[in-house]
């Protein structure tokens, strides 16, 4: 009977990444950057601060132009 593999978190692998040599860290970053993981971003909902909806979307763009002209 095979046991199911434990799902790892970033906190689980951070000590492993910290123990890598600088050369291996660069290699890891290149591997991460080159991966074709287009499904990763949509699989996690956006955080509260990722998109701000506190104001009208273009209100910040219009501020300060009242005296121009």
N, C-alpha and C. Protein backbone atom coordinates (compact mmCIF):
# COMPACT_ATOMS: atom_id res chain seq x y z
N UNK A 1 0.84 -1.18 0.00
CA UNK A 1 0.00 0.00 0.00
C UNK A 1 0.89 1.24 0.00
N UNK A 2 0.64 2.15 -0.95
CA UNK A 2 1.42 3.37 -1.04
C UNK A 2 0.72 4.47 -0.27
N UNK A 3 1.49 5.25 0.47
CA UNK A 3 0.90 6.38 1.16
C UNK A 3 0.92 7.60 0.24
N UNK A 4 -0.01 8.48 0.47
CA UNK A 4 -0.12 9.68 -0.35
C UNK A 4 0.99 10.65 0.04
N UNK A 5 1.62 11.30 -0.94
CA UNK A 5 2.68 12.26 -0.68
C UNK A 5 2.11 13.49 0.01
N UNK A 6 2.87 14.01 0.96
CA UNK A 6 2.45 15.22 1.69
C UNK A 6 2.58 16.43 0.78
N UNK A 7 1.58 17.28 0.77
CA UNK A 7 1.64 18.52 0.01
C UNK A 7 2.54 19.49 0.76
N UNK A 8 3.53 20.01 0.06
CA UNK A 8 4.47 20.94 0.68
C UNK A 8 4.01 22.37 0.51
N UNK A 9 4.41 23.20 1.46
CA UNK A 9 4.14 24.64 1.39
C UNK A 9 5.46 25.37 1.17
N UNK A 10 5.37 26.65 0.90
CA UNK A 10 6.59 27.46 0.75
C UNK A 10 7.41 27.42 2.04
N UNK A 11 6.74 27.42 3.19
CA UNK A 11 7.46 27.35 4.46
C UNK A 11 8.23 26.05 4.61
N UNK A 12 7.73 24.98 4.01
CA UNK A 12 8.41 23.69 4.07
C UNK A 12 9.71 23.69 3.26
N UNK A 13 9.69 24.37 2.12
CA UNK A 13 10.86 24.31 1.25
C UNK A 13 11.84 25.46 1.44
N UNK A 14 11.43 26.50 2.15
CA UNK A 14 12.31 27.65 2.36
C UNK A 14 13.66 27.27 2.98
N UNK A 15 13.71 26.41 4.01
CA UNK A 15 15.03 26.01 4.53
C UNK A 15 15.89 25.29 3.50
N UNK A 16 15.27 24.54 2.62
CA UNK A 16 16.02 23.85 1.56
C UNK A 16 16.60 24.85 0.57
N UNK A 17 15.82 25.85 0.21
CA UNK A 17 16.29 26.88 -0.72
C UNK A 17 17.41 27.68 -0.07
N UNK A 18 17.27 27.98 1.21
CA UNK A 18 18.29 28.75 1.92
C UNK A 18 19.62 28.00 1.98
N UNK A 19 19.58 26.67 1.93
CA UNK A 19 20.81 25.89 2.02
C UNK A 19 21.50 25.71 0.66
N UNK A 20 20.89 26.16 -0.42
CA UNK A 20 21.49 26.04 -1.74
C UNK A 20 22.68 26.99 -1.89
N UNK A 21 23.61 26.59 -2.73
CA UNK A 21 24.71 27.50 -3.06
C UNK A 21 24.15 28.62 -3.93
N UNK A 22 24.85 29.75 -4.00
CA UNK A 22 24.35 30.83 -4.87
C UNK A 22 24.14 30.39 -6.32
N UNK A 23 25.01 29.54 -6.82
CA UNK A 23 24.87 29.05 -8.20
C UNK A 23 23.59 28.23 -8.36
N UNK A 24 23.30 27.38 -7.37
CA UNK A 24 22.09 26.56 -7.43
C UNK A 24 20.83 27.40 -7.24
N UNK A 25 20.91 28.47 -6.46
CA UNK A 25 19.75 29.38 -6.33
C UNK A 25 19.43 30.02 -7.66
N UNK A 26 20.46 30.46 -8.38
CA UNK A 26 20.26 31.04 -9.70
C UNK A 26 19.63 30.02 -10.63
N UNK A 27 20.13 28.79 -10.59
CA UNK A 27 19.58 27.72 -11.42
C UNK A 27 18.11 27.49 -11.09
N UNK A 28 17.79 27.46 -9.80
CA UNK A 28 16.40 27.26 -9.39
C UNK A 28 15.51 28.38 -9.89
N UNK A 29 15.98 29.62 -9.76
CA UNK A 29 15.19 30.76 -10.25
C UNK A 29 14.96 30.68 -11.75
N UNK A 30 15.97 30.26 -12.48
CA UNK A 30 15.81 30.10 -13.94
C UNK A 30 14.81 29.01 -14.27
N UNK A 31 14.86 27.92 -13.52
CA UNK A 31 13.90 26.84 -13.75
C UNK A 31 12.48 27.29 -13.45
N UNK A 32 12.31 28.06 -12.38
CA UNK A 32 10.99 28.56 -12.04
C UNK A 32 10.50 29.53 -13.10
N UNK A 33 11.37 30.44 -13.52
CA UNK A 33 10.98 31.45 -14.50
C UNK A 33 10.66 30.84 -15.86
N UNK A 34 11.31 29.74 -16.20
CA UNK A 34 11.09 29.16 -17.52
C UNK A 34 9.96 28.15 -17.55
N UNK A 35 9.40 27.85 -16.40
CA UNK A 35 8.32 26.85 -16.39
C UNK A 35 7.07 27.40 -17.06
N UNK A 36 6.36 26.52 -17.70
CA UNK A 36 5.14 26.89 -18.42
C UNK A 36 3.93 26.65 -17.53
N UNK A 37 3.93 27.24 -16.35
CA UNK A 37 2.86 26.98 -15.38
C UNK A 37 1.79 28.06 -15.47
N UNK A 38 1.10 28.10 -16.58
CA UNK A 38 0.08 29.13 -16.80
C UNK A 38 -1.15 28.91 -15.91
N UNK A 39 -1.31 27.72 -15.36
CA UNK A 39 -2.49 27.44 -14.54
C UNK A 39 -2.29 27.83 -13.08
N UNK A 40 -1.07 28.14 -12.68
CA UNK A 40 -0.80 28.45 -11.27
C UNK A 40 -1.49 29.74 -10.84
N UNK A 41 -1.39 30.79 -11.61
CA UNK A 41 -1.97 32.07 -11.21
C UNK A 41 -3.49 31.98 -11.06
N UNK A 42 -4.22 31.45 -12.04
CA UNK A 42 -5.68 31.41 -11.87
C UNK A 42 -6.15 30.42 -10.79
N UNK A 43 -5.27 29.54 -10.34
CA UNK A 43 -5.70 28.57 -9.34
C UNK A 43 -5.80 29.16 -7.94
N UNK A 44 -5.22 30.34 -7.74
CA UNK A 44 -5.26 31.00 -6.44
C UNK A 44 -6.03 32.30 -6.60
N UNK A 45 -7.05 32.52 -5.80
CA UNK A 45 -7.81 33.77 -5.94
C UNK A 45 -6.94 34.98 -5.59
N UNK A 46 -7.22 36.14 -6.20
CA UNK A 46 -6.43 37.33 -5.89
C UNK A 46 -6.58 37.73 -4.42
N UNK A 47 -5.51 38.27 -3.88
CA UNK A 47 -5.55 38.71 -2.49
C UNK A 47 -6.30 40.03 -2.40
N UNK A 48 -6.66 40.43 -1.20
CA UNK A 48 -7.43 41.66 -1.00
C UNK A 48 -6.70 42.89 -1.52
N UNK A 49 -5.38 42.92 -1.40
CA UNK A 49 -4.63 44.10 -1.81
C UNK A 49 -4.08 44.02 -3.24
N UNK A 50 -4.40 42.95 -3.96
CA UNK A 50 -3.89 42.83 -5.32
C UNK A 50 -4.58 43.80 -6.26
N UNK A 51 -5.87 43.95 -6.13
CA UNK A 51 -6.63 44.87 -6.95
C UNK A 51 -7.41 45.79 -6.02
N UNK A 52 -7.14 47.07 -6.12
CA UNK A 52 -7.81 48.02 -5.24
C UNK A 52 -9.09 48.51 -5.90
N UNK A 53 -10.15 48.48 -5.15
CA UNK A 53 -11.44 48.98 -5.66
C UNK A 53 -11.98 50.05 -4.73
N UNK A 54 -11.07 50.72 -4.00
CA UNK A 54 -11.49 51.74 -3.04
C UNK A 54 -12.05 52.98 -3.72
N UNK A 55 -11.55 53.28 -4.90
CA UNK A 55 -11.97 54.48 -5.61
C UNK A 55 -12.51 54.11 -6.99
N UNK A 56 -13.08 55.09 -7.63
CA UNK A 56 -13.45 54.91 -9.02
C UNK A 56 -12.17 54.62 -9.80
N UNK A 57 -12.23 53.72 -10.74
CA UNK A 57 -11.02 53.22 -11.39
C UNK A 57 -10.14 54.30 -12.02
N UNK A 58 -10.73 55.34 -12.58
CA UNK A 58 -9.93 56.38 -13.22
C UNK A 58 -9.86 57.67 -12.41
N UNK A 59 -10.35 57.67 -11.20
CA UNK A 59 -10.37 58.89 -10.40
C UNK A 59 -8.96 59.39 -10.11
N UNK A 60 -8.02 58.48 -9.85
CA UNK A 60 -6.65 58.91 -9.56
C UNK A 60 -6.02 59.60 -10.76
N UNK A 61 -6.44 59.25 -11.94
CA UNK A 61 -5.86 59.81 -13.15
C UNK A 61 -6.35 61.24 -13.37
N UNK A 62 -7.48 61.59 -12.82
CA UNK A 62 -8.07 62.89 -13.06
C UNK A 62 -7.67 63.92 -12.00
N UNK A 63 -7.11 63.46 -10.88
CA UNK A 63 -6.76 64.38 -9.81
C UNK A 63 -5.63 65.32 -10.22
N UNK A 64 -5.74 66.59 -9.82
CA UNK A 64 -4.70 67.56 -10.03
C UNK A 64 -4.74 68.28 -11.37
N UNK A 65 -5.70 67.99 -12.21
CA UNK A 65 -5.79 68.61 -13.52
C UNK A 65 -6.78 69.77 -13.57
N UNK A 66 -7.36 70.10 -12.42
CA UNK A 66 -8.40 71.13 -12.40
C UNK A 66 -7.88 72.50 -12.88
N UNK A 67 -6.65 72.85 -12.53
CA UNK A 67 -6.10 74.19 -12.84
C UNK A 67 -5.29 74.22 -14.12
N UNK A 68 -5.24 73.14 -14.86
CA UNK A 68 -4.48 73.10 -16.10
C UNK A 68 -5.38 73.55 -17.23
N UNK A 69 -4.83 74.38 -18.11
CA UNK A 69 -5.62 74.74 -19.27
C UNK A 69 -5.69 76.15 -19.51
